[in-house]
Amino acid sequence: MPSVKLLSQKDSCYHINPKKTNNMKNVVLIGASGFVGTAILNELLNRNHKVTAIVRDAKKMNASNPNLTIVEADVTDTDALKEASKGKDTVISAYNPGWKNPHIYEDTLKNYPLIVESAKQAGVKRLLIVGGAGTLFVAPGLRLVDTGNLPAEWLPGVKSMGEFYLDYLMKEKDVDWILDRKSTRL
């Protein structure tokens, strides 16, 4: 079982095995056409990584690069996720069901476990999830989500990501995972 290393509540939480090395040259990026995903995609391509971008609508992709493969699939299609992830070093998820989606809370809690399980079944050893900044502590004992400073329409998405982290991801021991909650800094 991998060892656990939890770092600062300020930015990221990690469940990694420090003895493993993992070359991130061949990456799957889920949500590559979204706001956060596009920034990650550009950074990966600028660093010459091979990227398989999984998007709901390939027409939204503006990037063109010899290191880029675009796969049009929904995160609920676990067979497509597994197939795209086979042989890859890392899966990065910038998935968001959509801030205007009236079912964002339910979709987040349903679909993020599908992403985790698909990555594991494909044999991927490292999973990076970007999001959940609303669960950051902004003062001792006070999370951003509890400050009253977030728009009410964001709360279902923010709360569901926090629940996924606490109720599901924290219990995950079969894949090295990182939850990076810095997306508010883009």
Protein backbone atom coordinates (compact mmCIF):
# COMPACT_ATOMS: atom_id res chain seq x y z
CA MET A 1 0.00 0.00 0.00
CA PRO A 2 1.42 3.45 -0.90
CA SER A 3 2.43 5.70 1.94
CA VAL A 4 0.41 8.83 2.60
CA LYS A 5 1.83 12.31 2.63
CA LEU A 6 -0.60 15.16 3.27
CA LEU A 7 0.76 18.57 2.56
CA SER A 8 -0.63 21.99 3.32
CA GLN A 9 -4.39 22.44 3.37
CA LYS A 10 -3.67 25.73 1.59
CA ASP A 11 -3.15 24.36 -1.89
CA SER A 12 -2.97 20.65 -2.51
CA CYS A 13 -3.47 17.30 -0.89
CA TYR A 14 -1.40 14.35 -1.90
CA HIS A 15 -1.58 10.60 -1.58
CA ILE A 16 1.71 9.60 -3.14
CA ASN A 17 4.36 7.00 -2.76
CA PRO A 18 7.59 9.00 -2.50
CA LYS A 19 9.65 5.94 -3.52
CA LYS A 20 7.99 5.78 -6.94
CA THR A 21 9.15 7.89 -9.81
CA ASN A 22 6.66 8.69 -12.49
CA ASN A 23 7.59 10.19 -15.80
CA MET A 24 4.67 12.33 -16.96
CA LYS A 25 5.55 12.40 -20.65
CA ASN A 26 2.42 10.61 -21.86
CA VAL A 27 -0.67 12.16 -20.29
CA VAL A 28 -4.44 11.91 -20.55
CA LEU A 29 -6.17 15.24 -19.89
CA ILE A 30 -9.89 15.07 -19.13
CA GLY A 31 -11.71 18.36 -19.68
CA ALA A 32 -9.07 19.80 -21.99
CA SER A 33 -11.48 22.26 -23.65
CA GLY A 34 -12.59 23.96 -20.43
CA PHE A 35 -11.13 27.03 -18.74
CA VAL A 36 -8.75 25.15 -16.45
CA GLY A 37 -8.18 22.29 -18.90
CA THR A 38 -7.09 24.65 -21.68
CA ALA A 39 -4.45 26.23 -19.43
CA ILE A 40 -3.17 22.78 -18.44
CA LEU A 41 -3.20 21.59 -22.06
CA ASN A 42 -1.17 24.57 -23.23
CA GLU A 43 1.38 24.04 -20.46
CA LEU A 44 1.72 20.33 -21.21
CA LEU A 45 2.18 20.92 -24.94
CA ASN A 46 4.66 23.76 -24.32
CA ARG A 47 6.70 21.29 -22.26
CA ASN A 48 6.59 18.75 -25.10
CA HIS A 49 4.39 16.17 -23.36
CA LYS A 50 2.27 13.79 -25.41
CA VAL A 51 -1.35 14.55 -24.52
CA THR A 52 -4.53 12.62 -25.15
CA ALA A 53 -7.25 15.22 -24.61
CA ILE A 54 -10.66 13.85 -23.64
CA VAL A 55 -13.43 16.34 -24.36
CA ARG A 56 -17.21 16.22 -24.69
CA ASP A 57 -17.15 18.28 -27.89
CA ALA A 58 -14.07 18.10 -30.12
CA LYS A 59 -15.24 21.19 -32.03
CA LYS A 60 -14.34 23.28 -28.97
CA MET A 61 -10.68 22.34 -29.29
CA ASN A 62 -8.57 25.07 -30.85
CA ALA A 63 -5.17 23.49 -30.21
CA SER A 64 -3.23 21.73 -32.91
CA ASN A 65 0.04 20.00 -32.12
CA PRO A 66 1.77 16.82 -33.27
CA ASN A 67 1.84 15.71 -29.60
CA LEU A 68 -1.93 16.11 -29.24
CA THR A 69 -4.56 13.42 -29.78
CA ILE A 70 -8.18 14.45 -29.27
CA VAL A 71 -10.75 11.91 -28.11
CA GLU A 72 -14.39 12.92 -28.01
CA ALA A 73 -15.98 11.11 -25.07
CA ASP A 74 -18.07 11.72 -22.00
CA VAL A 75 -16.66 10.86 -18.58
CA THR A 76 -19.58 8.50 -18.06
CA ASP A 77 -18.19 6.36 -20.91
CA THR A 78 -15.79 4.38 -18.76
CA ASP A 79 -14.79 2.12 -21.66
CA ALA A 80 -13.60 5.16 -23.64
CA LEU A 81 -11.76 6.53 -20.59
CA LYS A 82 -10.02 3.21 -19.96
CA GLU A 83 -9.06 2.78 -23.61
CA ALA A 84 -7.66 6.31 -23.87
CA SER A 85 -5.74 5.84 -20.61
CA LYS A 86 -4.06 2.51 -21.34
CA GLY A 87 -0.29 2.84 -21.44
CA LYS A 88 -0.32 6.43 -20.18
CA ASP A 89 1.82 7.70 -17.31
CA THR A 90 -0.75 10.00 -15.74
CA VAL A 91 -4.40 11.00 -15.93
CA ILE A 92 -5.09 14.67 -15.21
CA SER A 93 -8.70 15.59 -14.65
CA ALA A 94 -9.95 19.13 -15.06
CA TYR A 95 -13.48 17.75 -15.42
CA ASN A 96 -16.35 19.99 -14.42
CA PRO A 97 -19.97 19.10 -15.23
CA GLY A 98 -20.57 22.79 -15.98
CA TRP A 99 -21.22 25.60 -13.53
CA LYS A 100 -24.65 26.21 -15.07
CA ASN A 101 -25.58 22.52 -14.97
CA PRO A 102 -28.55 22.17 -12.57
CA HIS A 103 -27.24 18.70 -11.65
CA ILE A 104 -23.61 19.71 -11.00
CA TYR A 105 -23.73 18.40 -7.42
CA GLU A 106 -25.00 14.95 -8.41
CA ASP A 107 -22.89 14.75 -11.58
CA THR A 108 -19.68 15.55 -9.72
CA LEU A 109 -20.34 12.89 -7.08
CA LYS A 110 -21.30 10.34 -9.73
CA ASN A 111 -18.63 11.03 -12.33
CA TYR A 112 -15.44 11.65 -10.39
CA PRO A 113 -15.42 8.11 -8.98
CA LEU A 114 -15.85 6.86 -12.57
CA ILE A 115 -12.71 8.78 -13.54
CA VAL A 116 -10.74 7.32 -10.64
CA GLU A 117 -11.90 3.77 -11.33
CA SER A 118 -11.26 4.05 -15.08
CA ALA A 119 -7.71 5.27 -14.47
CA LYS A 120 -7.05 2.39 -12.07
CA GLN A 121 -8.53 -0.20 -14.43
CA ALA A 122 -6.37 1.14 -17.26
CA GLY A 123 -3.29 0.60 -15.11
CA VAL A 124 -2.44 4.29 -14.69
CA LYS A 125 -0.33 4.84 -11.60
CA ARG A 126 -0.78 8.60 -11.07
CA LEU A 127 -3.96 10.69 -11.02
CA LEU A 128 -4.01 14.47 -10.72
CA ILE A 129 -7.35 16.15 -10.07
CA VAL A 130 -7.57 19.91 -10.42
CA GLY A 131 -10.35 21.65 -8.53
CA GLY A 132 -11.91 21.98 -5.13
CA ALA A 133 -10.47 25.39 -4.26
CA GLY A 134 -13.66 26.18 -2.34
CA THR A 135 -12.61 23.70 0.34
CA LEU A 136 -9.38 25.57 1.11
CA PHE A 137 -8.97 27.03 4.56
CA VAL A 138 -8.78 30.83 4.39
CA ALA A 139 -8.42 31.21 8.16
CA PRO A 140 -8.04 28.71 11.00
CA GLY A 141 -11.13 26.49 10.89
CA LEU A 142 -12.77 28.52 8.09
CA ARG A 143 -13.06 27.14 4.56
CA LEU A 144 -13.70 29.41 1.58
CA VAL A 145 -17.05 27.70 0.98
CA ASP A 146 -18.17 28.73 4.47
CA THR A 147 -17.23 32.44 4.19
CA GLY A 148 -20.34 33.56 2.33
CA ASN A 149 -18.08 35.06 -0.37
CA LEU A 150 -18.86 32.52 -3.10
CA PRO A 151 -21.82 33.04 -5.42
CA ALA A 152 -24.75 30.85 -4.37
CA GLU A 153 -24.89 29.23 -7.82
CA TRP A 154 -21.33 27.89 -7.32
CA LEU A 155 -22.08 26.19 -3.98
CA PRO A 156 -23.42 22.87 -5.34
CA GLY A 157 -20.25 22.35 -7.40
CA VAL A 158 -17.95 23.47 -4.62
CA LYS A 159 -19.66 21.35 -1.97
CA SER A 160 -19.77 18.24 -4.16
CA MET A 161 -16.05 18.47 -4.89
CA GLY A 162 -15.37 18.73 -1.17
CA GLU A 163 -17.55 15.71 -0.48
CA PHE A 164 -15.83 13.72 -3.23
CA TYR A 165 -12.46 14.54 -1.70
CA LEU A 166 -13.43 13.71 1.89
CA ASP A 167 -15.77 10.78 1.33
CA TYR A 168 -14.11 9.07 -1.65
CA LEU A 169 -10.65 10.25 -2.60
CA MET A 170 -9.21 10.25 0.93
CA LYS A 171 -10.01 6.52 1.11
CA GLU A 172 -8.34 5.72 -2.22
CA LYS A 173 -5.18 3.65 -1.71
CA ASP A 174 -4.70 1.89 -5.05
CA VAL A 175 -3.51 4.84 -7.15
CA ASP A 176 -1.16 7.69 -6.31
CA TRP A 177 -3.39 10.76 -6.40
CA ILE A 178 -3.00 14.48 -6.10
CA LEU A 179 -5.84 16.94 -5.58
CA ASP A 180 -4.57 20.31 -6.70
CA ARG A 181 -6.84 23.09 -5.47
CA LYS A 182 -5.03 26.07 -6.99
CA SER A 183 -7.40 26.61 -9.92
CA THR A 184 -8.49 29.97 -8.56
CA ARG A 185 -5.03 31.33 -9.46
CA LEU A 186 -5.31 30.90 -13.25
